[in-house]
N, C-alpha and C. Protein backbone atom coordinates (compact mmCIF):
# COMPACT_ATOMS: atom_id res chain seq x y z
N UNK A 1 3.28 -22.96 57.32
CA UNK A 1 3.08 -21.91 58.52
C UNK A 1 2.86 -20.73 58.01
N UNK A 2 3.47 -20.20 57.02
CA UNK A 2 3.38 -18.87 56.53
C UNK A 2 1.90 -18.78 56.04
N UNK A 3 1.36 -19.76 55.30
CA UNK A 3 -0.07 -19.64 54.74
C UNK A 3 -0.87 -19.57 55.84
N UNK A 4 -0.80 -20.25 56.88
CA UNK A 4 -1.78 -20.19 58.05
C UNK A 4 -1.46 -18.78 58.82
N UNK A 5 -0.49 -18.10 59.18
CA UNK A 5 -0.38 -16.93 59.39
C UNK A 5 -1.16 -15.83 58.42
N UNK A 6 -0.90 -16.00 57.17
CA UNK A 6 -1.50 -15.08 56.30
C UNK A 6 -3.25 -15.10 56.50
N UNK A 7 -3.79 -16.37 56.39
CA UNK A 7 -4.96 -16.83 56.43
C UNK A 7 -5.70 -15.94 57.81
N UNK A 8 -4.73 -16.21 59.06
CA UNK A 8 -5.15 -15.69 60.31
C UNK A 8 -5.32 -14.24 60.21
N UNK A 9 -4.03 -13.69 59.50
CA UNK A 9 -3.93 -12.31 59.57
C UNK A 9 -5.43 -11.62 58.86
N UNK A 10 -5.45 -12.19 57.55
CA UNK A 10 -6.83 -11.76 56.74
C UNK A 10 -8.00 -12.00 57.78
N UNK A 11 -8.04 -13.16 58.20
CA UNK A 11 -9.36 -13.29 59.02
C UNK A 11 -9.50 -12.17 60.33
N UNK A 12 -8.52 -11.83 60.96
CA UNK A 12 -8.20 -10.99 62.02
C UNK A 12 -8.76 -9.57 61.45
N UNK A 13 -8.08 -9.18 60.33
CA UNK A 13 -8.38 -7.84 59.67
C UNK A 13 -9.84 -7.71 59.07
N UNK A 14 -10.40 -8.95 58.58
CA UNK A 14 -11.89 -8.82 58.09
C UNK A 14 -12.68 -8.66 59.33
N UNK A 15 -12.58 -9.36 60.55
CA UNK A 15 -13.29 -9.01 61.72
C UNK A 15 -13.20 -7.69 62.30
N UNK A 16 -11.85 -7.25 62.27
CA UNK A 16 -11.97 -5.73 62.96
C UNK A 16 -12.57 -4.78 62.09
N UNK A 17 -12.41 -4.98 60.68
CA UNK A 17 -13.16 -4.03 59.74
C UNK A 17 -14.71 -4.08 59.97
N UNK A 18 -15.30 -5.36 60.18
CA UNK A 18 -16.64 -5.71 60.22
C UNK A 18 -17.05 -4.96 61.51
N UNK A 19 -16.12 -5.11 62.62
CA UNK A 19 -16.57 -4.62 64.12
C UNK A 19 -16.47 -3.03 63.90
N UNK A 20 -15.65 -2.57 63.34
CA UNK A 20 -15.43 -1.08 63.36
C UNK A 20 -16.36 -0.29 62.44
N UNK A 21 -16.77 -0.77 61.39
CA UNK A 21 -17.38 0.07 60.32
C UNK A 21 -18.50 0.70 60.86
N UNK A 22 -19.54 0.18 61.61
CA UNK A 22 -20.52 0.84 62.15
C UNK A 22 -20.08 2.31 62.99
N UNK A 23 -18.91 1.97 63.64
CA UNK A 23 -18.54 3.24 64.46
C UNK A 23 -18.08 4.48 63.26
N UNK A 24 -17.42 4.11 62.20
CA UNK A 24 -17.15 5.04 61.28
C UNK A 24 -18.09 5.76 60.66
N UNK A 25 -19.11 5.07 60.08
CA UNK A 25 -20.30 5.41 59.53
C UNK A 25 -21.28 6.25 60.31
N UNK A 26 -21.15 5.81 61.68
CA UNK A 26 -22.17 6.79 62.48
C UNK A 26 -21.83 8.18 62.68
N UNK A 27 -20.57 8.37 62.64
CA UNK A 27 -20.20 9.89 62.73
C UNK A 27 -20.62 10.69 61.52
N UNK A 28 -20.63 10.00 60.23
CA UNK A 28 -21.17 10.86 59.19
C UNK A 28 -22.63 11.00 59.39
N UNK A 29 -23.50 10.21 59.79
CA UNK A 29 -24.85 10.44 60.02
C UNK A 29 -25.19 11.33 60.87
N UNK A 30 -24.61 11.49 62.01
CA UNK A 30 -24.69 12.41 63.15
C UNK A 30 -24.50 13.92 62.45
N UNK A 31 -23.20 14.02 61.86
CA UNK A 31 -22.74 15.31 61.30
C UNK A 31 -23.86 15.78 60.25
N UNK A 32 -24.55 14.86 59.45
CA UNK A 32 -25.46 15.17 58.52
C UNK A 32 -26.60 15.79 59.26
N UNK A 33 -27.24 15.00 60.25
CA UNK A 33 -28.33 15.58 61.02
C UNK A 33 -27.94 17.06 61.68
N UNK A 34 -26.79 17.33 62.11
CA UNK A 34 -26.55 18.62 62.72
C UNK A 34 -26.57 19.53 61.80
N UNK A 35 -26.03 19.12 60.41
CA UNK A 35 -26.01 20.25 59.34
C UNK A 35 -27.48 20.44 58.81
N UNK A 36 -28.19 19.42 58.96
CA UNK A 36 -29.71 19.68 58.31
C UNK A 36 -30.41 20.69 59.70
N UNK A 37 -30.26 20.46 60.70
CA UNK A 37 -30.99 21.03 61.65
C UNK A 37 -30.50 22.62 61.80
N UNK A 38 -29.25 22.94 61.52
CA UNK A 38 -28.86 24.18 61.35
C UNK A 38 -29.27 25.14 60.08
N UNK A 39 -29.46 24.23 59.10
CA UNK A 39 -29.90 24.75 57.80
C UNK A 39 -31.24 25.18 57.69
N UNK A 40 -32.22 24.78 58.67
CA UNK A 40 -33.59 25.16 58.44
C UNK A 40 -33.91 26.40 58.90
N UNK A 41 -34.80 27.26 58.23
CA UNK A 41 -34.92 28.52 58.79
C UNK A 41 -35.99 28.51 60.09
N UNK A 42 -35.76 29.57 60.72
CA UNK A 42 -36.76 29.81 62.08
C UNK A 42 -38.17 30.22 61.64
N UNK A 43 -38.12 30.95 60.52
CA UNK A 43 -39.37 31.61 59.97
C UNK A 43 -39.34 31.88 58.68
N UNK A 44 -40.36 31.51 57.88
CA UNK A 44 -40.42 31.72 56.48
C UNK A 44 -41.74 32.62 56.01
N UNK A 45 -41.50 33.49 55.37
CA UNK A 45 -42.86 34.38 54.92
C UNK A 45 -43.01 34.38 53.33
N UNK A 46 -43.96 34.27 52.84
CA UNK A 46 -44.33 34.23 51.31
C UNK A 46 -45.01 35.48 51.15
N UNK A 47 -44.68 36.17 49.89
CA UNK A 47 -45.17 37.45 49.68
C UNK A 47 -45.06 38.29 50.57
N UNK A 48 -43.97 38.54 51.17
CA UNK A 48 -43.45 39.52 52.36
C UNK A 48 -43.85 40.78 52.01
N UNK A 49 -44.42 41.94 52.90
CA UNK A 49 -44.26 43.26 52.79
C UNK A 49 -44.03 43.81 54.17
N UNK A 50 -42.89 44.41 54.20
CA UNK A 50 -42.55 45.05 55.49
C UNK A 50 -42.00 46.56 55.44
N UNK A 51 -42.46 47.23 56.47
CA UNK A 51 -41.82 48.51 56.64
C UNK A 51 -41.15 48.83 57.80
N UNK A 52 -39.91 49.38 57.94
CA UNK A 52 -39.21 49.48 58.98
C UNK A 52 -38.93 51.05 59.20
N UNK A 53 -38.75 51.47 60.54
CA UNK A 53 -38.79 52.71 60.88
C UNK A 53 -37.33 53.09 61.57
N UNK A 54 -37.02 54.20 61.51
CA UNK A 54 -35.71 54.70 62.33
C UNK A 54 -36.21 55.31 63.73
N UNK A 55 -35.06 55.73 64.54
CA UNK A 55 -35.37 56.04 65.72
C UNK A 55 -36.21 57.27 65.83
N UNK A 56 -36.50 58.12 64.88
CA UNK A 56 -37.12 59.31 64.97
C UNK A 56 -38.64 58.95 64.42
N UNK A 57 -39.00 57.78 64.00
CA UNK A 57 -40.21 57.30 63.68
C UNK A 57 -40.55 57.64 62.19
N UNK A 58 -39.54 57.87 61.54
CA UNK A 58 -39.61 58.01 60.01
C UNK A 58 -39.40 56.78 59.17
N UNK A 59 -39.87 56.56 58.12
CA UNK A 59 -39.61 55.24 57.22
C UNK A 59 -38.21 55.13 57.08
N UNK A 60 -37.59 54.28 57.41
CA UNK A 60 -36.03 53.85 56.85
C UNK A 60 -36.07 53.05 55.77
N UNK A 61 -36.99 51.97 55.66
CA UNK A 61 -36.95 51.19 54.30
C UNK A 61 -38.17 50.43 54.32
N UNK A 62 -38.65 50.11 53.18
CA UNK A 62 -39.48 48.96 52.86
C UNK A 62 -39.08 47.92 52.10
N UNK A 63 -39.70 46.63 52.29
CA UNK A 63 -39.17 45.41 51.69
C UNK A 63 -40.21 44.68 51.41
N UNK A 64 -40.35 44.33 49.98
CA UNK A 64 -41.15 43.27 49.58
C UNK A 64 -40.44 42.20 48.90
N UNK A 65 -41.01 40.90 49.09
CA UNK A 65 -40.11 39.88 48.56
C UNK A 65 -41.09 38.69 48.18
N UNK A 66 -40.59 37.78 47.32
CA UNK A 66 -41.56 36.60 47.00
C UNK A 66 -41.52 35.51 48.16
N UNK A 67 -40.29 35.57 48.67
CA UNK A 67 -40.15 34.45 49.98
C UNK A 67 -38.95 35.04 50.85
N UNK A 68 -39.16 35.08 52.03
CA UNK A 68 -38.26 35.64 53.18
C UNK A 68 -38.01 34.38 54.02
N UNK A 69 -36.85 33.91 54.27
CA UNK A 69 -36.29 33.03 55.41
C UNK A 69 -35.49 33.69 56.27
N UNK A 70 -35.97 33.66 57.62
CA UNK A 70 -35.02 33.94 58.85
C UNK A 70 -34.31 33.07 59.38
N UNK A 71 -32.92 33.13 59.58
CA UNK A 71 -32.11 32.20 60.22
C UNK A 71 -31.61 32.81 61.36
N UNK A 72 -32.14 32.95 62.42
CA UNK A 72 -31.89 33.69 63.54
C UNK A 72 -30.76 33.39 64.30
N UNK A 73 -30.30 32.08 64.51
CA UNK A 73 -29.24 31.57 65.10
C UNK A 73 -28.06 31.87 64.22
N UNK A 74 -28.11 31.93 63.00
CA UNK A 74 -27.15 32.20 62.17
C UNK A 74 -26.80 33.73 61.94
N UNK A 75 -27.83 34.40 62.17
CA UNK A 75 -27.75 35.91 62.07
C UNK A 75 -28.07 36.48 60.74
N UNK A 76 -28.77 35.84 59.87
CA UNK A 76 -29.05 36.32 58.67
C UNK A 76 -30.51 36.09 58.05
N UNK A 77 -31.01 36.93 57.12
CA UNK A 77 -32.28 36.78 56.52
C UNK A 77 -32.14 36.60 55.10
N UNK A 78 -32.52 35.73 54.41
CA UNK A 78 -32.50 35.37 52.81
C UNK A 78 -33.80 35.76 52.32
N UNK A 79 -33.72 36.45 51.28
CA UNK A 79 -34.89 36.85 50.40
C UNK A 79 -34.72 36.42 49.02
N UNK A 80 -35.93 36.26 48.24
CA UNK A 80 -36.05 35.69 46.99
C UNK A 80 -36.93 36.63 46.31
N UNK A 81 -36.37 37.34 45.04
CA UNK A 81 -36.92 38.23 44.32
C UNK A 81 -37.30 39.68 45.43
N UNK A 82 -36.38 40.23 45.95
CA UNK A 82 -36.48 41.16 46.92
C UNK A 82 -36.72 42.63 46.11
N UNK A 83 -37.38 43.41 46.66
CA UNK A 83 -37.35 44.92 46.27
C UNK A 83 -37.36 45.83 47.57
N UNK A 84 -36.24 46.48 47.82
CA UNK A 84 -35.92 47.28 48.85
C UNK A 84 -36.17 48.73 48.63
N UNK A 85 -37.01 49.51 49.31
CA UNK A 85 -36.97 51.00 48.97
C UNK A 85 -36.41 51.61 50.11
N UNK A 86 -35.25 52.39 49.88
CA UNK A 86 -34.47 53.05 51.07
C UNK A 86 -34.87 54.55 51.12
N UNK A 87 -35.11 55.07 52.08
CA UNK A 87 -35.86 56.47 52.35
C UNK A 87 -34.80 57.33 52.81
N UNK A 88 -34.47 58.63 52.31
CA UNK A 88 -33.59 59.43 52.85
C UNK A 88 -34.35 60.72 52.67
N UNK A 89 -33.89 61.85 53.42
CA UNK A 89 -34.42 63.11 53.37
C UNK A 89 -34.56 63.79 51.87
N UNK A 90 -33.18 63.51 51.35
CA UNK A 90 -33.11 64.03 49.92
C UNK A 90 -33.59 63.17 48.65
N UNK A 91 -33.27 61.88 48.90
CA UNK A 91 -33.59 60.98 47.93
C UNK A 91 -34.16 59.64 48.49
N UNK A 92 -34.76 58.98 47.42
CA UNK A 92 -35.38 57.50 47.48
C UNK A 92 -34.95 56.60 46.49
N UNK A 93 -34.49 55.53 46.86
CA UNK A 93 -33.89 54.64 46.04
C UNK A 93 -34.86 53.24 46.23
N UNK A 94 -34.98 52.66 45.08
CA UNK A 94 -35.59 51.34 44.99
C UNK A 94 -34.75 50.32 44.39
N UNK A 95 -34.29 49.36 45.23
CA UNK A 95 -33.30 48.31 44.75
C UNK A 95 -33.73 46.74 44.57
N UNK A 96 -33.83 46.21 43.40
CA UNK A 96 -34.29 44.91 43.47
C UNK A 96 -33.16 44.04 43.01
N UNK A 97 -33.32 42.66 43.00
CA UNK A 97 -32.27 41.74 42.67
C UNK A 97 -33.02 40.32 42.71
N UNK A 98 -32.39 39.43 42.38
CA UNK A 98 -32.80 37.97 42.06
C UNK A 98 -33.04 37.38 43.64
N UNK A 99 -31.84 37.93 44.26
CA UNK A 99 -31.87 37.36 45.81
C UNK A 99 -30.85 38.40 46.49
N UNK A 100 -31.27 38.23 47.94
CA UNK A 100 -30.52 39.16 48.99
C UNK A 100 -30.49 38.46 50.27
N UNK A 101 -29.42 38.92 50.88
CA UNK A 101 -29.14 38.60 52.25
C UNK A 101 -29.04 39.67 53.29
N UNK A 102 -29.85 39.74 54.28
CA UNK A 102 -29.51 40.87 55.05
C UNK A 102 -28.84 40.31 56.43
N UNK A 103 -27.78 40.97 56.88
CA UNK A 103 -26.98 40.35 58.02
C UNK A 103 -27.28 41.47 59.04
N UNK A 104 -27.69 41.13 60.24
CA UNK A 104 -27.91 41.92 61.68
C UNK A 104 -28.68 43.30 61.29
N UNK A 105 -29.57 43.12 60.43
CA UNK A 105 -30.70 44.23 60.11
C UNK A 105 -29.69 45.49 59.57
N UNK A 106 -28.77 45.19 59.00
CA UNK A 106 -27.79 46.42 58.49
C UNK A 106 -27.20 46.20 57.17
N UNK A 107 -26.57 45.05 57.12
CA UNK A 107 -25.75 44.82 55.68
C UNK A 107 -26.60 44.13 54.99
N UNK A 108 -26.85 44.60 53.69
CA UNK A 108 -27.73 43.85 52.91
C UNK A 108 -26.78 43.69 51.49
N UNK A 109 -26.82 42.17 51.14
CA UNK A 109 -26.02 41.97 50.02
C UNK A 109 -27.07 41.43 48.72
N UNK A 110 -27.07 42.16 47.90
CA UNK A 110 -27.92 41.80 46.71
C UNK A 110 -27.44 41.20 45.66
N UNK A 111 -27.83 40.14 44.99
CA UNK A 111 -27.02 39.32 43.95
C UNK A 111 -27.96 39.04 42.86
N UNK A 112 -27.36 39.01 41.63
CA UNK A 112 -28.17 38.49 40.63
C UNK A 112 -29.07 39.76 39.95
N UNK A 113 -28.66 40.15 38.80
CA UNK A 113 -29.64 41.31 38.18
C UNK A 113 -29.95 42.42 39.04
N UNK A 114 -28.97 43.09 39.74
CA UNK A 114 -29.30 43.99 40.73
C UNK A 114 -29.71 45.31 39.79
N UNK A 115 -30.51 46.05 40.37
CA UNK A 115 -30.97 47.23 39.82
C UNK A 115 -31.42 48.25 40.73
N UNK A 116 -30.67 49.53 40.95
CA UNK A 116 -31.07 50.48 42.01
C UNK A 116 -31.67 51.60 40.92
N UNK A 117 -32.97 52.05 41.37
CA UNK A 117 -33.50 52.78 40.54
C UNK A 117 -33.89 54.27 41.65
N UNK A 118 -33.19 55.31 40.97
CA UNK A 118 -33.67 56.61 41.65
C UNK A 118 -34.97 57.23 41.52
N UNK A 119 -35.71 57.27 42.61
CA UNK A 119 -37.19 57.74 42.43
C UNK A 119 -37.48 59.04 42.27
N UNK A 120 -36.53 59.89 42.52
CA UNK A 120 -36.48 61.48 42.24
C UNK A 120 -36.52 61.62 40.98
N UNK A 121 -37.46 62.60 40.61
CA UNK A 121 -37.68 62.97 39.22
C UNK A 121 -36.43 63.95 38.74
N UNK A 122 -36.17 64.07 37.58
CA UNK A 122 -35.22 64.75 37.13
C UNK A 122 -33.82 64.63 37.77
N UNK A 123 -33.32 63.49 38.14
CA UNK A 123 -32.03 63.38 38.68
C UNK A 123 -31.15 62.86 37.68
N UNK A 124 -29.84 63.51 37.97
CA UNK A 124 -28.78 63.17 36.89
C UNK A 124 -28.63 61.85 36.83
N UNK A 125 -28.71 60.97 37.89
CA UNK A 125 -28.62 59.56 37.75
C UNK A 125 -29.85 58.73 38.03
N UNK A 126 -30.21 57.95 37.09
CA UNK A 126 -31.68 57.15 37.22
C UNK A 126 -31.50 55.76 37.80
N UNK A 127 -30.52 55.10 37.18
CA UNK A 127 -30.31 53.63 37.28
C UNK A 127 -29.05 53.39 37.51
N UNK A 128 -28.67 52.33 38.57
CA UNK A 128 -27.27 51.86 38.73
C UNK A 128 -27.62 50.14 38.73
N UNK A 129 -26.86 49.53 37.63
CA UNK A 129 -26.99 48.06 37.57
C UNK A 129 -25.78 47.28 37.68
N UNK A 130 -25.81 46.00 38.27
CA UNK A 130 -24.66 45.49 38.77
C UNK A 130 -25.10 43.88 39.03
N UNK A 131 -24.12 43.12 39.11
CA UNK A 131 -24.61 41.70 39.27
C UNK A 131 -24.43 41.50 40.89
N UNK A 132 -23.92 42.42 41.55
CA UNK A 132 -23.80 42.37 42.92
C UNK A 132 -23.56 43.83 43.65
N UNK A 133 -24.25 43.99 44.75
CA UNK A 133 -24.33 45.44 45.44
C UNK A 133 -24.39 45.15 46.83
N UNK A 134 -23.58 45.60 47.57
CA UNK A 134 -23.79 45.78 49.18
C UNK A 134 -24.21 47.02 49.40
N UNK A 135 -25.14 46.91 50.60
CA UNK A 135 -25.86 48.13 51.11
C UNK A 135 -25.76 48.14 52.50
N UNK A 136 -25.48 49.31 52.98
CA UNK A 136 -25.59 49.55 54.57
C UNK A 136 -26.63 50.29 54.68
N UNK A 137 -27.85 49.61 55.17
CA UNK A 137 -29.12 50.47 55.36
C UNK A 137 -29.11 51.49 56.41
N UNK A 138 -28.24 51.36 57.45
CA UNK A 138 -28.21 52.42 58.45
C UNK A 138 -27.58 53.55 57.83
N UNK A 139 -26.43 53.37 57.25
CA UNK A 139 -25.58 54.54 56.67
C UNK A 139 -25.93 54.86 55.25
N UNK A 140 -26.89 54.33 54.75
CA UNK A 140 -27.27 54.48 53.35
C UNK A 140 -26.13 54.68 52.17
N UNK A 141 -25.21 53.31 52.25
CA UNK A 141 -24.21 53.57 51.26
C UNK A 141 -24.32 52.41 50.49
N UNK A 142 -23.84 52.29 49.41
CA UNK A 142 -23.88 51.41 48.28
C UNK A 142 -22.36 50.98 47.91
N UNK A 143 -22.03 49.66 47.81
CA UNK A 143 -20.89 49.53 47.68
C UNK A 143 -20.77 48.09 46.54
N UNK A 144 -19.83 48.05 45.38
CA UNK A 144 -19.77 46.98 44.61
C UNK A 144 -18.45 46.66 44.05
N UNK A 145 -17.94 45.71 43.91
CA UNK A 145 -16.63 45.47 43.22
C UNK A 145 -16.93 44.78 41.78
N UNK A 146 -18.05 44.57 41.35
CA UNK A 146 -18.50 44.06 40.25
C UNK A 146 -18.53 45.18 38.91
N UNK A 147 -18.52 44.92 37.62
CA UNK A 147 -18.85 45.68 36.82
C UNK A 147 -20.18 46.42 36.92
N UNK A 148 -20.23 47.77 36.67
CA UNK A 148 -21.32 48.55 37.10
C UNK A 148 -21.83 49.46 35.87
N UNK A 149 -23.21 49.67 35.69
CA UNK A 149 -23.58 50.63 34.53
C UNK A 149 -24.30 51.66 35.25
N UNK A 150 -23.87 52.79 35.20
CA UNK A 150 -24.59 53.96 35.88
C UNK A 150 -25.39 54.83 34.63
N UNK A 151 -26.74 55.00 34.60
CA UNK A 151 -27.20 55.81 33.44
C UNK A 151 -28.08 56.79 34.07
N UNK A 152 -28.35 57.72 33.26
CA UNK A 152 -29.25 58.91 33.54
C UNK A 152 -30.02 59.25 32.19
N UNK A 153 -30.81 60.57 32.29
CA UNK A 153 -31.44 60.87 31.02
C UNK A 153 -30.54 61.21 29.94
N UNK A 154 -29.36 61.66 30.46
CA UNK A 154 -28.20 62.08 29.30
C UNK A 154 -26.92 61.46 29.26
N UNK A 155 -26.85 60.43 29.90
CA UNK A 155 -25.35 59.64 30.04
C UNK A 155 -25.58 58.27 30.47
N UNK A 156 -24.42 57.52 30.01
CA UNK A 156 -24.41 56.24 30.54
C UNK A 156 -22.86 56.11 30.68
N UNK A 157 -22.65 55.48 32.05
CA UNK A 157 -21.15 55.48 32.36
C UNK A 157 -21.17 53.97 32.89
N UNK A 158 -19.91 53.27 32.50
CA UNK A 158 -19.61 52.00 32.83
C UNK A 158 -18.30 51.96 33.37
N UNK A 159 -18.14 50.96 34.29
CA UNK A 159 -16.97 50.90 34.96
C UNK A 159 -16.85 49.41 35.86
N UNK A 160 -15.93 49.53 36.71
CA UNK A 160 -15.66 48.26 37.71
C UNK A 160 -15.54 48.69 39.12
N UNK A 161 -16.39 48.49 40.15
CA UNK A 161 -16.44 48.97 41.41
C UNK A 161 -17.10 50.06 41.62
N UNK A 162 -17.87 50.27 42.88
CA UNK A 162 -18.70 51.52 43.11
C UNK A 162 -18.51 51.82 44.44
N UNK A 163 -18.64 53.06 45.04
CA UNK A 163 -18.99 53.37 46.13
C UNK A 163 -19.93 54.54 46.03
N UNK A 164 -21.13 54.62 46.73
CA UNK A 164 -22.01 55.57 46.81
C UNK A 164 -22.52 55.80 48.19
N UNK A 165 -22.66 57.05 48.21
CA UNK A 165 -23.39 57.46 49.60
C UNK A 165 -24.50 58.34 49.34
N UNK A 166 -25.57 57.68 49.76
CA UNK A 166 -26.95 58.06 49.29
C UNK A 166 -27.41 59.28 49.97
N UNK A 167 -26.78 59.61 51.20
CA UNK A 167 -27.19 60.72 51.91
C UNK A 167 -26.54 61.95 51.27
N UNK A 168 -25.23 61.97 50.93
CA UNK A 168 -24.63 63.04 50.41
C UNK A 168 -24.98 63.03 48.85
N UNK A 169 -25.55 62.08 48.14
CA UNK A 169 -25.68 62.02 47.02
C UNK A 169 -24.40 61.88 45.89
N UNK A 170 -23.28 61.21 46.47
CA UNK A 170 -22.02 61.24 45.92
C UNK A 170 -21.87 59.88 45.53
N UNK A 171 -21.84 59.56 44.09
CA UNK A 171 -21.32 58.12 43.56
C UNK A 171 -20.06 58.23 42.96
N UNK A 172 -19.04 57.31 43.34
CA UNK A 172 -17.94 57.32 42.83
C UNK A 172 -17.51 55.75 42.15
N UNK A 173 -17.06 55.74 40.87
CA UNK A 173 -16.49 54.66 40.35
C UNK A 173 -15.24 54.19 40.48
N UNK A 174 -14.78 53.11 41.01
CA UNK A 174 -13.58 52.84 41.22
C UNK A 174 -12.57 52.68 40.15
N UNK A 175 -13.10 51.90 38.93
CA UNK A 175 -12.36 51.86 37.83
C UNK A 175 -13.27 52.23 36.78
N UNK A 176 -13.19 53.52 36.23
CA UNK A 176 -13.94 54.04 35.22
C UNK A 176 -13.54 53.38 33.77
N UNK A 177 -14.65 53.05 33.03
CA UNK A 177 -14.44 52.29 31.81
C UNK A 177 -14.59 53.36 30.62
N UNK A 178 -15.99 53.75 30.53
CA UNK A 178 -16.54 54.61 29.66
C UNK A 178 -17.65 55.43 29.96
N UNK A 179 -17.80 56.59 29.21
CA UNK A 179 -18.77 57.54 29.48
C UNK A 179 -19.46 57.87 28.17
N UNK A 180 -20.73 57.89 28.00
CA UNK A 180 -21.23 58.27 26.82
C UNK A 180 -22.43 59.44 27.34
N UNK A 181 -22.23 60.69 26.60
CA UNK A 181 -23.07 61.75 26.76
C UNK A 181 -24.19 61.61 25.77
N UNK A 182 -25.40 61.82 25.87
CA UNK A 182 -26.33 61.82 24.89
C UNK A 182 -26.86 63.33 24.49
N UNK A 183 -27.02 63.80 23.20
CA UNK A 183 -27.53 65.07 23.03
C UNK A 183 -28.96 65.29 23.73
N UNK A 184 -29.14 66.41 23.98
CA UNK A 184 -30.42 66.87 24.72
C UNK A 184 -31.44 67.26 23.75
């Protein structure tokens, strides 16, 4: 009688697994379809060239990129090989990277071989390089927690972490490592 109960129990469990298996596997398929639907961009541009203006009608910034994908529902725009040119009354900076993400048309996160180039002649600081830099386009500020190299015609400064205000032209290293001055 024990063997009959064991066989019936195994048969019952096998039937239950067979009947309930489609229910458990269907949830995974629906979840994958929803994930794919959210991850598709609303708009894609190849070889993008765009100019943005501020409230006074002056150029705020220009963007060129190999590819741009707008995810409107998620609230961000993704760029491949972007070049952002930020305009200010005193200075103009051109920042390029391997990729960038723009949140709410304000917060820009640049990643991979980031290079910020000062376009003003005879400036003390020509270039800022890092692996990642965050830029507030409206406030014209840059921030990074990564190792940073700041260079100019007569100096090279290395450190970790950066806070820069492009309006007031103040750049501050959080953790200074080394400064090299070149002979003029």
